PDB file of all heavy atoms in Angstrom:
ATOM      1  N   LEU A   1       0.793  -1.227   0.000  1.00  0.00           N
ATOM      2  CA  LEU A   1       0.000   0.000   0.000  1.00  0.00           C
ATOM      3  C   LEU A   1       0.826   1.278   0.000  1.00  0.00           C
ATOM      4  O   LEU A   1       0.295   2.354  -0.264  1.00  0.00           O
ATOM      5  CB  LEU A   1      -0.913   0.017   1.232  1.00  0.00           C
ATOM      6  CG  LEU A   1      -2.045  -1.011   1.287  1.00  0.00           C
ATOM      7  CD1 LEU A   1      -2.896  -0.774   2.520  1.00  0.00           C
ATOM      8  CD2 LEU A   1      -2.903  -0.959   0.027  1.00  0.00           C
ATOM      9  N   GLU A   2       2.114   1.179   0.295  1.00  0.00           N
ATOM     10  CA  GLU A   2       2.933   2.377   0.406  1.00  0.00           C
ATOM     11  C   GLU A   2       3.107   3.055  -0.947  1.00  0.00           C
ATOM     12  O   GLU A   2       3.382   2.408  -1.962  1.00  0.00           O
ATOM     13  CB  GLU A   2       4.306   2.024   0.980  1.00  0.00           C
ATOM     14  CG  GLU A   2       5.172   3.238   1.283  1.00  0.00           C
ATOM     15  CD  GLU A   2       6.496   2.862   1.927  1.00  0.00           C
ATOM     16  OE1 GLU A   2       6.754   1.652   2.099  1.00  0.00           O
ATOM     17  OE2 GLU A   2       7.273   3.779   2.243  1.00  0.00           O
ATOM     18  N   ASP A   3       2.922   4.368  -0.963  1.00  0.00           N
ATOM     19  CA  ASP A   3       3.132   5.185  -2.162  1.00  0.00           C
ATOM     20  C   ASP A   3       2.308   4.697  -3.348  1.00  0.00           C
ATOM     21  O   ASP A   3       2.816   4.504  -4.455  1.00  0.00           O
ATOM     22  CB  ASP A   3       4.619   5.218  -2.536  1.00  0.00           C
ATOM     23  CG  ASP A   3       5.471   5.879  -1.475  1.00  0.00           C
ATOM     24  OD1 ASP A   3       4.964   6.795  -0.800  1.00  0.00           O
ATOM     25  OD2 ASP A   3       6.626   5.479  -1.299  1.00  0.00           O
ATOM     26  N   ARG A   4       1.016   4.526  -3.131  1.00  0.00           N
ATOM     27  CA  ARG A   4       0.143   4.132  -4.226  1.00  0.00           C
ATOM     28  C   ARG A   4      -1.255   4.679  -4.011  1.00  0.00           C
ATOM     29  O   ARG A   4      -1.614   5.092  -2.895  1.00  0.00           O
ATOM     30  CB  ARG A   4       0.084   2.606  -4.364  1.00  0.00           C
ATOM     31  CG  ARG A   4      -0.745   1.922  -3.281  1.00  0.00           C
ATOM     32  CD  ARG A   4      -0.985   0.439  -3.577  1.00  0.00           C
ATOM     33  NE  ARG A   4      -1.541   0.223  -4.893  1.00  0.00           N
ATOM     34  CZ  ARG A   4      -1.049  -0.660  -5.771  1.00  0.00           C
ATOM     35  NH1 ARG A   4      -0.015  -1.410  -5.449  1.00  0.00           N
ATOM     36  NH2 ARG A   4      -1.615  -0.796  -6.955  1.00  0.00           N
ATOM     37  N   VAL A   5      -2.037   4.678  -5.082  1.00  0.00           N
ATOM     38  CA  VAL A   5      -3.464   4.967  -4.999  1.00  0.00           C
ATOM     39  C   VAL A   5      -4.214   3.673  -5.327  1.00  0.00           C
ATOM     40  O   VAL A   5      -3.610   2.618  -5.531  1.00  0.00           O
ATOM     41  CB  VAL A   5      -3.877   6.109  -5.956  1.00  0.00           C
ATOM     42  CG1 VAL A   5      -3.263   7.424  -5.511  1.00  0.00           C
ATOM     43  CG2 VAL A   5      -3.498   5.786  -7.404  1.00  0.00           C
ATOM     44  N   ALA A   6      -5.538   3.747  -5.384  1.00  0.00           N
ATOM     45  CA  ALA A   6      -6.371   2.541  -5.485  1.00  0.00           C
ATOM     46  C   ALA A   6      -6.511   2.050  -6.925  1.00  0.00           C
ATOM     47  O   ALA A   6      -7.611   1.819  -7.429  1.00  0.00           O
ATOM     48  CB  ALA A   6      -7.739   2.814  -4.875  1.00  0.00           C
ATOM     49  N   VAL A   7      -5.374   1.896  -7.593  1.00  0.00           N
ATOM     50  CA  VAL A   7      -5.310   1.362  -8.952  1.00  0.00           C
ATOM     51  C   VAL A   7      -4.362   0.176  -8.933  1.00  0.00           C
ATOM     52  O   VAL A   7      -3.205   0.317  -8.521  1.00  0.00           O
ATOM     53  CB  VAL A   7      -4.802   2.424  -9.952  1.00  0.00           C
ATOM     54  CG1 VAL A   7      -4.633   1.819 -11.342  1.00  0.00           C
ATOM     55  CG2 VAL A   7      -5.756   3.617 -10.001  1.00  0.00           C
ATOM     56  N   VAL A   8      -4.835  -0.984  -9.360  1.00  0.00           N
ATOM     57  CA  VAL A   8      -4.035  -2.211  -9.337  1.00  0.00           C
ATOM     58  C   VAL A   8      -4.087  -2.861 -10.716  1.00  0.00           C
ATOM     59  O   VAL A   8      -5.168  -3.085 -11.271  1.00  0.00           O
ATOM     60  CB  VAL A   8      -4.554  -3.213  -8.290  1.00  0.00           C
ATOM     61  CG1 VAL A   8      -3.694  -4.475  -8.284  1.00  0.00           C
ATOM     62  CG2 VAL A   8      -4.588  -2.575  -6.899  1.00  0.00           C
ATOM     63  N   SER A   9      -2.914  -3.178 -11.262  1.00  0.00           N
ATOM     64  CA  SER A   9      -2.838  -3.864 -12.551  1.00  0.00           C
ATOM     65  C   SER A   9      -2.334  -5.290 -12.351  1.00  0.00           C
ATOM     66  O   SER A   9      -1.353  -5.508 -11.644  1.00  0.00           O
ATOM     67  CB  SER A   9      -1.887  -3.128 -13.502  1.00  0.00           C
ATOM     68  OG  SER A   9      -2.591  -2.274 -14.379  1.00  0.00           O
ATOM     69  N   LEU A  10      -3.011  -6.232 -12.992  1.00  0.00           N
ATOM     70  CA  LEU A  10      -2.644  -7.639 -12.898  1.00  0.00           C
ATOM     71  C   LEU A  10      -2.230  -8.174 -14.258  1.00  0.00           C
ATOM     72  O   LEU A  10      -2.855  -7.874 -15.277  1.00  0.00           O
ATOM     73  CB  LEU A  10      -3.820  -8.465 -12.368  1.00  0.00           C
ATOM     74  CG  LEU A  10      -4.394  -8.083 -11.000  1.00  0.00           C
ATOM     75  CD1 LEU A  10      -5.509  -9.051 -10.623  1.00  0.00           C
ATOM     76  CD2 LEU A  10      -3.312  -8.041  -9.936  1.00  0.00           C
ATOM     77  N   ASP A  11      -1.181  -8.994 -14.237  1.00  0.00           N
ATOM     78  CA  ASP A  11      -0.743  -9.715 -15.421  1.00  0.00           C
ATOM     79  C   ASP A  11      -0.991 -11.200 -15.166  1.00  0.00           C
ATOM     80  O   ASP A  11      -0.347 -11.810 -14.309  1.00  0.00           O
ATOM     81  CB  ASP A  11       0.746  -9.450 -15.672  1.00  0.00           C
ATOM     82  CG  ASP A  11       1.235 -10.057 -16.977  1.00  0.00           C
ATOM     83  OD1 ASP A  11       0.395 -10.521 -17.776  1.00  0.00           O
ATOM     84  OD2 ASP A  11       2.468 -10.070 -17.198  1.00  0.00           O
ATOM     85  N   PHE A  12      -1.960 -11.762 -15.885  1.00  0.00           N
ATOM     86  CA  PHE A  12      -2.300 -13.174 -15.734  1.00  0.00           C
ATOM     87  C   PHE A  12      -1.306 -13.975 -16.570  1.00  0.00           C
ATOM     88  O   PHE A  12      -1.515 -14.210 -17.759  1.00  0.00           O
ATOM     89  CB  PHE A  12      -3.740 -13.423 -16.179  1.00  0.00           C
ATOM     90  CG  PHE A  12      -4.763 -12.830 -15.257  1.00  0.00           C
ATOM     91  CD1 PHE A  12      -5.030 -11.465 -15.268  1.00  0.00           C
ATOM     92  CD2 PHE A  12      -5.463 -13.629 -14.363  1.00  0.00           C
ATOM     93  CE1 PHE A  12      -5.972 -10.913 -14.406  1.00  0.00           C
ATOM     94  CE2 PHE A  12      -6.410 -13.091 -13.503  1.00  0.00           C
ATOM     95  CZ  PHE A  12      -6.659 -11.727 -13.526  1.00  0.00           C
ATOM     96  N   GLU A  13      -0.214 -14.398 -15.937  1.00  0.00           N
ATOM     97  CA  GLU A  13       0.927 -14.926 -16.667  1.00  0.00           C
ATOM     98  C   GLU A  13       0.623 -16.222 -17.412  1.00  0.00           C
ATOM     99  O   GLU A  13       1.285 -16.532 -18.401  1.00  0.00           O
ATOM    100  CB  GLU A  13       2.101 -15.112 -15.707  1.00  0.00           C
ATOM    101  CG  GLU A  13       2.596 -13.789 -15.113  1.00  0.00           C
ATOM    102  CD  GLU A  13       3.766 -13.949 -14.169  1.00  0.00           C
ATOM    103  OE1 GLU A  13       3.896 -15.031 -13.569  1.00  0.00           O
ATOM    104  OE2 GLU A  13       4.552 -12.989 -14.031  1.00  0.00           O
ATOM    105  N   LYS A  14      -0.351 -16.987 -16.968  1.00  0.00           N
ATOM    106  CA  LYS A  14      -0.698 -18.248 -17.627  1.00  0.00           C
ATOM    107  C   LYS A  14      -1.983 -18.135 -18.451  1.00  0.00           C
ATOM    108  O   LYS A  14      -2.462 -19.130 -18.996  1.00  0.00           O
ATOM    109  CB  LYS A  14      -0.860 -19.363 -16.582  1.00  0.00           C
ATOM    110  CG  LYS A  14       0.402 -19.644 -15.772  1.00  0.00           C
ATOM    111  CD  LYS A  14       1.546 -20.117 -16.674  1.00  0.00           C
ATOM    112  CE  LYS A  14       2.785 -20.453 -15.838  1.00  0.00           C
ATOM    113  NZ  LYS A  14       3.910 -20.892 -16.704  1.00  0.00           N
ATOM    114  N   GLU A  15      -2.540 -16.942 -18.502  1.00  0.00           N
ATOM    115  CA  GLU A  15      -3.783 -16.718 -19.229  1.00  0.00           C
ATOM    116  C   GLU A  15      -3.579 -15.569 -20.212  1.00  0.00           C
ATOM    117  O   GLU A  15      -2.594 -14.825 -20.138  1.00  0.00           O
ATOM    118  CB  GLU A  15      -4.927 -16.362 -18.268  1.00  0.00           C
ATOM    119  CG  GLU A  15      -5.021 -17.216 -17.021  1.00  0.00           C
ATOM    120  CD  GLU A  15      -5.466 -18.632 -17.293  1.00  0.00           C
ATOM    121  OE1 GLU A  15      -6.160 -18.830 -18.313  1.00  0.00           O
ATOM    122  OE2 GLU A  15      -5.121 -19.529 -16.502  1.00  0.00           O
ATOM    123  N   ASP A  16      -4.502 -15.411 -21.117  1.00  0.00           N
ATOM    124  CA  ASP A  16      -4.531 -14.238 -21.992  1.00  0.00           C
ATOM    125  C   ASP A  16      -5.269 -13.135 -21.251  1.00  0.00           C
ATOM    126  O   ASP A  16      -6.432 -13.291 -20.871  1.00  0.00           O
ATOM    127  CB  ASP A  16      -5.238 -14.590 -23.305  1.00  0.00           C
ATOM    128  CG  ASP A  16      -5.174 -13.458 -24.317  1.00  0.00           C
ATOM    129  OD1 ASP A  16      -5.603 -12.340 -23.978  1.00  0.00           O
ATOM    130  OD2 ASP A  16      -4.703 -13.706 -25.439  1.00  0.00           O
ATOM    131  N   ASN A  17      -4.596 -12.008 -21.021  1.00  0.00           N
ATOM    132  CA  ASN A  17      -5.215 -10.921 -20.264  1.00  0.00           C
ATOM    133  C   ASN A  17      -6.513 -10.436 -20.895  1.00  0.00           C
ATOM    134  O   ASN A  17      -7.482 -10.121 -20.197  1.00  0.00           O
ATOM    135  CB  ASN A  17      -4.235  -9.746 -20.136  1.00  0.00           C
ATOM    136  CG  ASN A  17      -3.103 -10.028 -19.171  1.00  0.00           C
ATOM    137  OD1 ASN A  17      -3.251 -10.804 -18.230  1.00  0.00           O
ATOM    138  ND2 ASN A  17      -1.957  -9.410 -19.403  1.00  0.00           N
ATOM    139  N   ALA A  18      -6.539 -10.388 -22.218  1.00  0.00           N
ATOM    140  CA  ALA A  18      -7.742  -9.909 -22.908  1.00  0.00           C
ATOM    141  C   ALA A  18      -8.907 -10.855 -22.683  1.00  0.00           C
ATOM    142  O   ALA A  18     -10.037 -10.431 -22.410  1.00  0.00           O
ATOM    143  CB  ALA A  18      -7.459  -9.756 -24.401  1.00  0.00           C
ATOM    144  N   VAL A  19      -8.636 -12.159 -22.789  1.00  0.00           N
ATOM    145  CA  VAL A  19      -9.693 -13.144 -22.570  1.00  0.00           C
ATOM    146  C   VAL A  19     -10.176 -13.088 -21.126  1.00  0.00           C
ATOM    147  O   VAL A  19     -11.384 -13.150 -20.850  1.00  0.00           O
ATOM    148  CB  VAL A  19      -9.190 -14.568 -22.914  1.00  0.00           C
ATOM    149  CG1 VAL A  19     -10.209 -15.613 -22.468  1.00  0.00           C
ATOM    150  CG2 VAL A  19      -8.932 -14.689 -24.403  1.00  0.00           C
ATOM    151  N   THR A  20      -9.242 -12.962 -20.203  1.00  0.00           N
ATOM    152  CA  THR A  20      -9.606 -12.923 -18.783  1.00  0.00           C
ATOM    153  C   THR A  20     -10.531 -11.744 -18.485  1.00  0.00           C
ATOM    154  O   THR A  20     -11.565 -11.892 -17.817  1.00  0.00           O
ATOM    155  CB  THR A  20      -8.347 -12.834 -17.909  1.00  0.00           C
ATOM    156  OG1 THR A  20      -7.523 -13.977 -18.155  1.00  0.00           O
ATOM    157  CG2 THR A  20      -8.712 -12.781 -16.435  1.00  0.00           C
ATOM    158  N   ALA A  21     -10.172 -10.545 -18.971  1.00  0.00           N
ATOM    159  CA  ALA A  21     -11.006  -9.368 -18.735  1.00  0.00           C
ATOM    160  C   ALA A  21     -12.370  -9.531 -19.396  1.00  0.00           C
ATOM    161  O   ALA A  21     -13.406  -9.171 -18.814  1.00  0.00           O
ATOM    162  CB  ALA A  21     -10.310  -8.116 -19.260  1.00  0.00           C
ATOM    163  N   PHE A  22     -12.377 -10.091 -20.592  1.00  0.00           N
ATOM    164  CA  PHE A  22     -13.629 -10.296 -21.316  1.00  0.00           C
ATOM    165  C   PHE A  22     -14.542 -11.249 -20.548  1.00  0.00           C
ATOM    166  O   PHE A  22     -15.741 -11.001 -20.377  1.00  0.00           O
ATOM    167  CB  PHE A  22     -13.310 -10.850 -22.705  1.00  0.00           C
ATOM    168  CG  PHE A  22     -14.511 -11.041 -23.589  1.00  0.00           C
ATOM    169  CD1 PHE A  22     -15.244  -9.955 -24.031  1.00  0.00           C
ATOM    170  CD2 PHE A  22     -14.899 -12.311 -23.983  1.00  0.00           C
ATOM    171  CE1 PHE A  22     -16.342 -10.128 -24.870  1.00  0.00           C
ATOM    172  CE2 PHE A  22     -15.995 -12.496 -24.811  1.00  0.00           C
ATOM    173  CZ  PHE A  22     -16.716 -11.406 -25.253  1.00  0.00           C
ATOM    174  N   GLU A  23     -13.981 -12.347 -20.050  1.00  0.00           N
ATOM    175  CA  GLU A  23     -14.788 -13.333 -19.339  1.00  0.00           C
ATOM    176  C   GLU A  23     -15.221 -12.818 -17.961  1.00  0.00           C
ATOM    177  O   GLU A  23     -16.312 -13.158 -17.493  1.00  0.00           O
ATOM    178  CB  GLU A  23     -14.016 -14.638 -19.211  1.00  0.00           C
ATOM    179  CG  GLU A  23     -13.821 -15.332 -20.553  1.00  0.00           C
ATOM    180  CD  GLU A  23     -13.164 -16.683 -20.423  1.00  0.00           C
ATOM    181  OE1 GLU A  23     -12.506 -16.933 -19.394  1.00  0.00           O
ATOM    182  OE2 GLU A  23     -13.304 -17.489 -21.360  1.00  0.00           O
ATOM    183  N   LEU A  24     -14.396 -12.011 -17.320  1.00  0.00           N
ATOM    184  CA  LEU A  24     -14.812 -11.416 -16.049  1.00  0.00           C
ATOM    185  C   LEU A  24     -16.081 -10.590 -16.237  1.00  0.00           C
ATOM    186  O   LEU A  24     -16.984 -10.617 -15.395  1.00  0.00           O
ATOM    187  CB  LEU A  24     -13.700 -10.533 -15.479  1.00  0.00           C
ATOM    188  CG  LEU A  24     -12.570 -11.224 -14.729  1.00  0.00           C
ATOM    189  CD1 LEU A  24     -11.462 -10.238 -14.381  1.00  0.00           C
ATOM    190  CD2 LEU A  24     -13.091 -11.893 -13.452  1.00  0.00           C
TER     191      LEU A  24
END
């Protein structure tokens, strides 16, 4: 939490990020 705001980026290393966001 130090030196950050409420924005979090995830890299789904074993998945396709685009597919993951679409399915979410």
